[in-house]
Amino acid sequence: MLIDVKKLSLGEQLDFDYKENLVVRNVPVEVHAFGKVSFTEEGYIVSGKFDAVLNLKCDLCLDAFTQRAEGVLDEVYSNDADEEKEYWHFEDKTLDLKPALEANIMLKIPMKAVCSDNCRGLCPKCGQNLNKGECGCDREYSNPVFEGLMDLFKD
């Protein structure tokens, strides 16, 4: 997602609208980013929004599902050497939006991806997806090491 800003003069704006498929933290993402690039004395300011479709796998049942995510782009690109300011570097008057988008999308990826609130997961004995039906396994087994501990909870 490169934006050529060679012809952009101080105070001018340039619109952008990109659709691209990315992979962020091993998650395939379909992203649509749009907004404006402004050239100011501070540098190039990117302001816009993004809509993304995250293609995830459920951590409980391992089924594939999609989740929508949206966010705001508010980034500054500069070649200034000031270490205290936060901005993205650029070269050759070309701004690369991909790293900034990946960073923003990374914040939208859930730490625990679950396909639904009532996902039952997999049977710990046979691996059957319990959302698709019962398997008939006896899941009442408890480790004999913990039997003494379980006696405390019988009341």
N, C-alpha and C. Protein backbone atom coordinates (compact mmCIF):
# COMPACT_ATOMS: atom_id res chain seq x y z
N MET A 1 0.84 -1.17 0.00
CA MET A 1 0.00 0.00 0.00
C MET A 1 0.89 1.24 0.00
N LEU A 2 1.43 1.54 -1.13
CA LEU A 2 2.34 2.66 -1.27
C LEU A 2 1.60 3.89 -1.77
N ILE A 3 1.91 5.03 -1.19
CA ILE A 3 1.33 6.31 -1.62
C ILE A 3 2.48 7.20 -2.07
N ASP A 4 2.42 7.64 -3.31
CA ASP A 4 3.43 8.53 -3.87
C ASP A 4 3.06 9.96 -3.51
N VAL A 5 3.91 10.63 -2.72
CA VAL A 5 3.63 11.99 -2.26
C VAL A 5 4.62 13.01 -2.84
N LYS A 6 5.29 12.66 -3.95
CA LYS A 6 6.29 13.54 -4.55
C LYS A 6 5.69 14.88 -4.98
N LYS A 7 4.48 14.85 -5.50
CA LYS A 7 3.87 16.07 -6.05
C LYS A 7 3.02 16.82 -5.02
N LEU A 8 2.99 16.34 -3.79
CA LEU A 8 2.17 16.96 -2.75
C LEU A 8 2.90 18.16 -2.15
N SER A 9 2.28 19.34 -2.24
CA SER A 9 2.88 20.56 -1.70
C SER A 9 2.38 20.80 -0.28
N LEU A 10 3.08 21.67 0.44
CA LEU A 10 2.73 22.00 1.81
C LEU A 10 1.28 22.49 1.87
N GLY A 11 0.47 21.89 2.73
CA GLY A 11 -0.93 22.26 2.90
C GLY A 11 -1.89 21.50 2.02
N GLU A 12 -1.40 20.72 1.07
CA GLU A 12 -2.28 19.96 0.17
C GLU A 12 -2.63 18.60 0.77
N GLN A 13 -3.71 18.02 0.24
CA GLN A 13 -4.15 16.69 0.68
C GLN A 13 -4.28 15.77 -0.53
N LEU A 14 -4.16 14.49 -0.25
CA LEU A 14 -4.27 13.46 -1.28
C LEU A 14 -5.13 12.34 -0.72
N ASP A 15 -6.15 11.93 -1.46
CA ASP A 15 -7.03 10.84 -1.03
C ASP A 15 -6.41 9.49 -1.37
N PHE A 16 -6.71 8.49 -0.55
CA PHE A 16 -6.30 7.13 -0.86
C PHE A 16 -7.43 6.17 -0.53
N ASP A 17 -7.47 5.07 -1.26
CA ASP A 17 -8.48 4.04 -1.08
C ASP A 17 -7.87 2.72 -1.54
N TYR A 18 -7.58 1.82 -0.60
CA TYR A 18 -6.90 0.56 -0.92
C TYR A 18 -7.69 -0.62 -0.39
N LYS A 19 -7.66 -1.69 -1.16
CA LYS A 19 -8.16 -2.99 -0.70
C LYS A 19 -7.04 -3.98 -0.93
N GLU A 20 -6.73 -4.75 0.10
CA GLU A 20 -5.63 -5.69 -0.02
C GLU A 20 -5.82 -6.84 0.95
N ASN A 21 -5.22 -7.98 0.62
CA ASN A 21 -5.20 -9.14 1.51
C ASN A 21 -3.84 -9.18 2.20
N LEU A 22 -3.85 -9.25 3.52
CA LEU A 22 -2.64 -9.28 4.32
C LEU A 22 -2.63 -10.52 5.21
N VAL A 23 -1.48 -10.81 5.77
CA VAL A 23 -1.37 -11.83 6.80
C VAL A 23 -0.72 -11.15 8.01
N VAL A 24 -1.49 -11.06 9.10
CA VAL A 24 -1.02 -10.39 10.32
C VAL A 24 -1.02 -11.43 11.44
N ARG A 25 0.16 -11.69 12.01
CA ARG A 25 0.32 -12.71 13.07
C ARG A 25 -0.31 -14.03 12.66
N ASN A 26 -0.02 -14.48 11.45
CA ASN A 26 -0.52 -15.74 10.89
C ASN A 26 -2.03 -15.76 10.70
N VAL A 27 -2.67 -14.60 10.67
CA VAL A 27 -4.11 -14.50 10.45
C VAL A 27 -4.34 -13.82 9.09
N PRO A 28 -4.99 -14.52 8.14
CA PRO A 28 -5.33 -13.86 6.87
C PRO A 28 -6.38 -12.78 7.11
N VAL A 29 -6.14 -11.61 6.51
CA VAL A 29 -7.01 -10.45 6.72
C VAL A 29 -7.31 -9.80 5.38
N GLU A 30 -8.58 -9.52 5.14
CA GLU A 30 -8.99 -8.73 3.98
C GLU A 30 -9.25 -7.32 4.50
N VAL A 31 -8.47 -6.34 4.03
CA VAL A 31 -8.56 -4.99 4.60
C VAL A 31 -8.92 -3.97 3.51
N HIS A 32 -9.72 -3.02 3.91
CA HIS A 32 -10.07 -1.87 3.07
C HIS A 32 -9.72 -0.62 3.87
N ALA A 33 -8.74 0.14 3.36
CA ALA A 33 -8.29 1.36 4.04
C ALA A 33 -8.56 2.55 3.15
N PHE A 34 -9.05 3.63 3.75
CA PHE A 34 -9.35 4.83 2.98
C PHE A 34 -9.16 6.06 3.86
N GLY A 35 -8.85 7.19 3.23
CA GLY A 35 -8.65 8.42 3.97
C GLY A 35 -7.87 9.44 3.18
N LYS A 36 -7.13 10.30 3.91
CA LYS A 36 -6.40 11.39 3.29
C LYS A 36 -4.97 11.45 3.85
N VAL A 37 -4.06 11.93 3.00
CA VAL A 37 -2.69 12.22 3.40
C VAL A 37 -2.52 13.73 3.28
N SER A 38 -2.08 14.37 4.35
CA SER A 38 -1.85 15.82 4.35
C SER A 38 -0.37 16.09 4.55
N PHE A 39 0.14 17.10 3.83
CA PHE A 39 1.54 17.49 3.99
C PHE A 39 1.58 18.73 4.85
N THR A 40 2.18 18.63 6.04
CA THR A 40 2.28 19.74 6.97
C THR A 40 3.75 19.95 7.33
N GLU A 41 4.01 20.95 8.14
CA GLU A 41 5.38 21.20 8.59
C GLU A 41 5.89 20.07 9.48
N GLU A 42 4.98 19.38 10.14
CA GLU A 42 5.34 18.26 11.02
C GLU A 42 5.73 17.02 10.22
N GLY A 43 5.20 16.88 9.01
CA GLY A 43 5.45 15.73 8.14
C GLY A 43 4.19 15.39 7.39
N TYR A 44 4.09 14.17 6.95
CA TYR A 44 2.89 13.70 6.25
C TYR A 44 1.97 13.05 7.27
N ILE A 45 0.74 13.54 7.33
CA ILE A 45 -0.23 13.03 8.30
C ILE A 45 -1.27 12.20 7.54
N VAL A 46 -1.40 10.94 7.94
CA VAL A 46 -2.38 10.03 7.35
C VAL A 46 -3.54 9.93 8.32
N SER A 47 -4.72 10.29 7.83
CA SER A 47 -5.92 10.16 8.67
C SER A 47 -6.99 9.46 7.84
N GLY A 48 -7.57 8.45 8.42
CA GLY A 48 -8.58 7.68 7.71
C GLY A 48 -9.12 6.57 8.58
N LYS A 49 -9.71 5.59 7.91
CA LYS A 49 -10.32 4.45 8.59
C LYS A 49 -9.96 3.18 7.85
N PHE A 50 -10.15 2.06 8.53
CA PHE A 50 -10.00 0.77 7.87
C PHE A 50 -11.09 -0.17 8.35
N ASP A 51 -11.52 -1.02 7.44
CA ASP A 51 -12.43 -2.11 7.74
C ASP A 51 -11.70 -3.39 7.39
N ALA A 52 -11.77 -4.37 8.26
CA ALA A 52 -11.05 -5.61 8.03
C ALA A 52 -11.94 -6.81 8.35
N VAL A 53 -11.71 -7.88 7.61
CA VAL A 53 -12.35 -9.17 7.88
C VAL A 53 -11.23 -10.12 8.28
N LEU A 54 -11.28 -10.56 9.54
CA LEU A 54 -10.26 -11.46 10.07
C LEU A 54 -10.73 -12.90 9.86
N ASN A 55 -9.91 -13.71 9.24
CA ASN A 55 -10.22 -15.13 9.01
C ASN A 55 -9.52 -15.94 10.10
N LEU A 56 -10.28 -16.30 11.13
CA LEU A 56 -9.74 -16.92 12.33
C LEU A 56 -10.12 -18.40 12.44
N LYS A 57 -9.45 -19.11 13.34
CA LYS A 57 -9.83 -20.47 13.72
C LYS A 57 -10.17 -20.44 15.20
N CYS A 58 -11.27 -21.07 15.55
CA CYS A 58 -11.73 -21.09 16.94
C CYS A 58 -10.73 -21.85 17.80
N ASP A 59 -10.37 -21.27 18.93
CA ASP A 59 -9.43 -21.91 19.85
C ASP A 59 -10.04 -23.10 20.59
N LEU A 60 -11.38 -23.21 20.58
CA LEU A 60 -12.03 -24.31 21.29
C LEU A 60 -12.40 -25.48 20.39
N CYS A 61 -12.98 -25.19 19.21
CA CYS A 61 -13.45 -26.28 18.33
C CYS A 61 -12.64 -26.39 17.03
N LEU A 62 -11.74 -25.46 16.77
CA LEU A 62 -10.85 -25.44 15.61
C LEU A 62 -11.57 -25.17 14.29
N ASP A 63 -12.85 -24.78 14.31
CA ASP A 63 -13.56 -24.42 13.08
C ASP A 63 -13.15 -23.02 12.63
N ALA A 64 -13.14 -22.82 11.32
CA ALA A 64 -12.83 -21.51 10.76
C ALA A 64 -14.05 -20.60 10.87
N PHE A 65 -13.81 -19.32 11.14
CA PHE A 65 -14.88 -18.32 11.18
C PHE A 65 -14.28 -16.96 10.87
N THR A 66 -15.14 -16.00 10.55
CA THR A 66 -14.67 -14.64 10.25
C THR A 66 -15.18 -13.68 11.32
N GLN A 67 -14.41 -12.63 11.51
CA GLN A 67 -14.79 -11.58 12.46
C GLN A 67 -14.44 -10.24 11.84
N ARG A 68 -15.36 -9.31 11.90
CA ARG A 68 -15.13 -7.98 11.36
C ARG A 68 -14.43 -7.11 12.39
N ALA A 69 -13.58 -6.24 11.89
CA ALA A 69 -12.87 -5.28 12.76
C ALA A 69 -12.76 -3.98 11.99
N GLU A 70 -12.88 -2.89 12.70
CA GLU A 70 -12.69 -1.58 12.08
C GLU A 70 -11.90 -0.70 13.03
N GLY A 71 -11.25 0.28 12.44
CA GLY A 71 -10.42 1.15 13.26
C GLY A 71 -10.10 2.44 12.55
N VAL A 72 -9.36 3.27 13.24
CA VAL A 72 -9.01 4.61 12.76
C VAL A 72 -7.52 4.64 12.47
N LEU A 73 -7.17 5.26 11.36
CA LEU A 73 -5.76 5.50 11.03
C LEU A 73 -5.46 6.95 11.36
N ASP A 74 -4.49 7.16 12.21
CA ASP A 74 -4.05 8.50 12.58
C ASP A 74 -2.54 8.41 12.77
N GLU A 75 -1.81 8.50 11.66
CA GLU A 75 -0.38 8.24 11.66
C GLU A 75 0.38 9.45 11.13
N VAL A 76 1.62 9.60 11.59
CA VAL A 76 2.51 10.67 11.12
C VAL A 76 3.74 10.01 10.52
N TYR A 77 4.08 10.44 9.31
CA TYR A 77 5.29 9.96 8.62
C TYR A 77 6.26 11.13 8.56
N SER A 78 7.50 10.89 9.01
CA SER A 78 8.50 11.96 9.03
C SER A 78 9.89 11.37 8.93
N ASN A 79 10.83 12.18 8.48
CA ASN A 79 12.24 11.79 8.47
C ASN A 79 13.00 12.51 9.57
N ASP A 80 12.30 13.11 10.50
CA ASP A 80 12.89 13.84 11.61
C ASP A 80 13.65 12.86 12.51
N ALA A 81 14.75 13.30 13.06
CA ALA A 81 15.58 12.43 13.91
C ALA A 81 15.23 12.55 15.39
N ASP A 82 14.12 13.18 15.73
CA ASP A 82 13.72 13.35 17.12
C ASP A 82 13.24 12.02 17.69
N GLU A 83 13.91 11.51 18.70
CA GLU A 83 13.60 10.21 19.27
C GLU A 83 12.35 10.22 20.15
N GLU A 84 11.94 11.40 20.64
CA GLU A 84 10.81 11.46 21.57
C GLU A 84 9.46 11.43 20.86
N LYS A 85 9.41 11.71 19.59
CA LYS A 85 8.14 11.72 18.86
C LYS A 85 7.89 10.35 18.23
N GLU A 86 6.62 10.00 18.15
CA GLU A 86 6.25 8.74 17.53
C GLU A 86 5.78 9.00 16.11
N TYR A 87 6.47 8.40 15.16
CA TYR A 87 6.08 8.54 13.76
C TYR A 87 6.69 7.40 12.97
N TRP A 88 6.21 7.24 11.76
CA TRP A 88 6.71 6.24 10.83
C TRP A 88 7.71 6.92 9.90
N HIS A 89 8.79 6.23 9.60
CA HIS A 89 9.79 6.76 8.67
C HIS A 89 9.39 6.41 7.24
N PHE A 90 9.85 7.22 6.31
CA PHE A 90 9.61 6.94 4.89
C PHE A 90 10.85 7.34 4.10
N GLU A 91 10.92 6.83 2.89
CA GLU A 91 12.04 7.15 2.01
C GLU A 91 11.51 7.44 0.62
N ASP A 92 12.24 8.25 -0.13
CA ASP A 92 11.95 8.53 -1.55
C ASP A 92 10.55 9.10 -1.78
N LYS A 93 10.02 9.84 -0.82
CA LYS A 93 8.70 10.47 -0.97
C LYS A 93 7.60 9.44 -1.28
N THR A 94 7.75 8.25 -0.71
CA THR A 94 6.74 7.21 -0.86
C THR A 94 6.39 6.71 0.54
N LEU A 95 5.11 6.79 0.89
CA LEU A 95 4.64 6.32 2.19
C LEU A 95 4.12 4.90 2.05
N ASP A 96 4.56 4.01 2.92
CA ASP A 96 4.08 2.64 2.94
C ASP A 96 3.10 2.49 4.10
N LEU A 97 1.82 2.32 3.78
CA LEU A 97 0.79 2.20 4.81
C LEU A 97 0.72 0.80 5.43
N LYS A 98 1.34 -0.17 4.78
CA LYS A 98 1.21 -1.55 5.24
C LYS A 98 1.67 -1.77 6.68
N PRO A 99 2.86 -1.30 7.10
CA PRO A 99 3.26 -1.52 8.50
C PRO A 99 2.31 -0.86 9.52
N ALA A 100 1.82 0.33 9.20
CA ALA A 100 0.90 1.01 10.11
C ALA A 100 -0.43 0.26 10.18
N LEU A 101 -0.91 -0.22 9.04
CA LEU A 101 -2.15 -0.99 9.03
C LEU A 101 -1.99 -2.29 9.80
N GLU A 102 -0.87 -2.98 9.58
CA GLU A 102 -0.64 -4.23 10.29
C GLU A 102 -0.59 -4.00 11.81
N ALA A 103 0.03 -2.92 12.23
CA ALA A 103 0.09 -2.62 13.67
C ALA A 103 -1.30 -2.35 14.24
N ASN A 104 -2.13 -1.63 13.50
CA ASN A 104 -3.49 -1.34 13.97
C ASN A 104 -4.37 -2.59 13.95
N ILE A 105 -4.21 -3.42 12.94
CA ILE A 105 -5.01 -4.65 12.85
C ILE A 105 -4.59 -5.63 13.94
N MET A 106 -3.30 -5.67 14.25
CA MET A 106 -2.80 -6.57 15.29
C MET A 106 -3.51 -6.32 16.62
N LEU A 107 -3.84 -5.07 16.89
CA LEU A 107 -4.55 -4.74 18.12
C LEU A 107 -5.99 -5.22 18.11
N LYS A 108 -6.53 -5.51 16.94
CA LYS A 108 -7.92 -5.96 16.80
C LYS A 108 -8.05 -7.48 16.84
N ILE A 109 -6.95 -8.21 16.70
CA ILE A 109 -7.00 -9.67 16.73
C ILE A 109 -7.21 -10.12 18.17
N PRO A 110 -8.25 -10.92 18.43
CA PRO A 110 -8.50 -11.34 19.82
C PRO A 110 -7.42 -12.29 20.32
N MET A 111 -7.13 -12.20 21.63
CA MET A 111 -6.16 -13.12 22.23
C MET A 111 -6.70 -14.54 22.25
N LYS A 112 -8.00 -14.67 22.47
CA LYS A 112 -8.65 -15.97 22.44
C LYS A 112 -9.78 -15.89 21.41
N ALA A 113 -9.57 -16.52 20.28
CA ALA A 113 -10.56 -16.49 19.20
C ALA A 113 -11.58 -17.59 19.43
N VAL A 114 -12.84 -17.20 19.63
CA VAL A 114 -13.92 -18.16 19.87
C VAL A 114 -15.03 -17.87 18.87
N CYS A 115 -15.50 -18.93 18.19
CA CYS A 115 -16.48 -18.75 17.12
C CYS A 115 -17.83 -18.26 17.63
N SER A 116 -18.22 -18.63 18.84
CA SER A 116 -19.46 -18.14 19.43
C SER A 116 -19.35 -18.22 20.95
N ASP A 117 -20.23 -17.51 21.63
CA ASP A 117 -20.20 -17.50 23.10
C ASP A 117 -20.55 -18.86 23.69
N ASN A 118 -21.31 -19.67 22.96
CA ASN A 118 -21.71 -20.96 23.49
C ASN A 118 -20.98 -22.12 22.80
N CYS A 119 -19.77 -21.89 22.32
CA CYS A 119 -18.97 -22.95 21.70
C CYS A 119 -18.62 -23.98 22.76
N ARG A 120 -18.85 -25.25 22.44
CA ARG A 120 -18.61 -26.34 23.40
C ARG A 120 -17.24 -26.98 23.23
N GLY A 121 -16.55 -26.66 22.15
CA GLY A 121 -15.19 -27.16 21.97
C GLY A 121 -15.14 -28.60 21.50
N LEU A 122 -14.03 -29.26 21.79
CA LEU A 122 -13.78 -30.64 21.38
C LEU A 122 -13.84 -31.57 22.59
N CYS A 123 -14.24 -32.82 22.34
CA CYS A 123 -14.22 -33.84 23.40
C CYS A 123 -12.77 -34.12 23.74
N PRO A 124 -12.40 -34.09 25.03
CA PRO A 124 -11.01 -34.33 25.41
C PRO A 124 -10.57 -35.78 25.20
N LYS A 125 -11.52 -36.69 25.00
CA LYS A 125 -11.16 -38.10 24.82
C LYS A 125 -11.02 -38.46 23.34
N CYS A 126 -12.02 -38.14 22.53
CA CYS A 126 -12.00 -38.60 21.13
C CYS A 126 -11.78 -37.48 20.12
N GLY A 127 -11.91 -36.21 20.54
CA GLY A 127 -11.69 -35.10 19.62
C GLY A 127 -12.90 -34.69 18.82
N GLN A 128 -14.07 -35.26 19.08
CA GLN A 128 -15.30 -34.91 18.37
C GLN A 128 -15.66 -33.45 18.65
N ASN A 129 -16.07 -32.71 17.61
CA ASN A 129 -16.55 -31.35 17.78
C ASN A 129 -17.92 -31.42 18.45
N LEU A 130 -18.02 -30.97 19.69
CA LEU A 130 -19.25 -31.09 20.47
C LEU A 130 -20.34 -30.14 20.00
N ASN A 131 -20.01 -29.16 19.15
CA ASN A 131 -21.03 -28.29 18.57
C ASN A 131 -21.84 -29.03 17.51
N LYS A 132 -21.27 -30.10 16.95
CA LYS A 132 -21.94 -30.86 15.89
C LYS A 132 -22.67 -32.08 16.43
N GLY A 133 -22.54 -32.35 17.71
CA GLY A 133 -23.25 -33.48 18.32
C GLY A 133 -22.41 -34.16 19.38
N GLU A 134 -23.09 -34.91 20.22
CA GLU A 134 -22.42 -35.64 21.29
C GLU A 134 -21.69 -36.85 20.72
N CYS A 135 -20.64 -37.26 21.40
CA CYS A 135 -19.83 -38.39 20.93
C CYS A 135 -20.10 -39.66 21.73
N GLY A 136 -20.65 -39.55 22.92
CA GLY A 136 -20.93 -40.72 23.75
C GLY A 136 -19.81 -41.09 24.69
N CYS A 137 -18.74 -40.33 24.71
CA CYS A 137 -17.62 -40.63 25.62
C CYS A 137 -18.01 -40.30 27.06
N ASP A 138 -17.43 -41.04 27.99
CA ASP A 138 -17.61 -40.75 29.41
C ASP A 138 -16.59 -39.69 29.80
N ARG A 139 -17.05 -38.48 29.99
CA ARG A 139 -16.15 -37.37 30.31
C ARG A 139 -16.13 -37.07 31.81
N GLU A 140 -16.64 -37.99 32.61
CA GLU A 140 -16.68 -37.81 34.06
C GLU A 140 -15.41 -38.28 34.73
N TYR A 141 -14.45 -38.77 33.98
CA TYR A 141 -13.20 -39.28 34.53
C TYR A 141 -12.49 -38.16 35.29
N SER A 142 -11.97 -38.53 36.46
CA SER A 142 -11.13 -37.59 37.20
C SER A 142 -9.84 -38.30 37.58
N ASN A 143 -8.79 -37.60 37.59
CA ASN A 143 -7.47 -38.14 37.90
C ASN A 143 -7.45 -38.55 39.38
N PRO A 144 -7.00 -39.77 39.69
CA PRO A 144 -7.00 -40.22 41.09
C PRO A 144 -6.10 -39.36 42.00
N VAL A 145 -5.17 -38.67 41.43
CA VAL A 145 -4.30 -37.81 42.23
C VAL A 145 -5.11 -36.71 42.90
N PHE A 146 -6.20 -36.28 42.24
CA PHE A 146 -6.99 -35.16 42.76
C PHE A 146 -8.25 -35.60 43.52
N GLU A 147 -8.45 -36.91 43.76
CA GLU A 147 -9.65 -37.37 44.44
C GLU A 147 -9.79 -36.81 45.85
N GLY A 148 -8.68 -36.71 46.57
CA GLY A 148 -8.71 -36.13 47.92
C GLY A 148 -9.15 -34.68 47.88
N LEU A 149 -8.70 -33.97 46.89
CA LEU A 149 -9.09 -32.56 46.73
C LEU A 149 -10.57 -32.44 46.38
N MET A 150 -11.06 -33.34 45.53
CA MET A 150 -12.47 -33.29 45.12
C MET A 150 -13.41 -33.57 46.30
N ASP A 151 -12.95 -34.34 47.30
CA ASP A 151 -13.77 -34.62 48.48
C ASP A 151 -14.09 -33.34 49.24
N LEU A 152 -13.26 -32.33 49.14
CA LEU A 152 -13.51 -31.05 49.81
C LEU A 152 -14.73 -30.33 49.23
N PHE A 153 -15.07 -30.61 47.97
CA PHE A 153 -16.16 -29.89 47.30
C PHE A 153 -17.46 -30.67 47.28
N LYS A 154 -17.57 -31.77 47.97
CA LYS A 154 -18.80 -32.58 47.94
C LYS A 154 -19.93 -31.94 48.71
N ASP A 155 -19.66 -31.09 49.65
CA ASP A 155 -20.72 -30.45 50.46
C ASP A 155 -21.32 -29.40 49.61
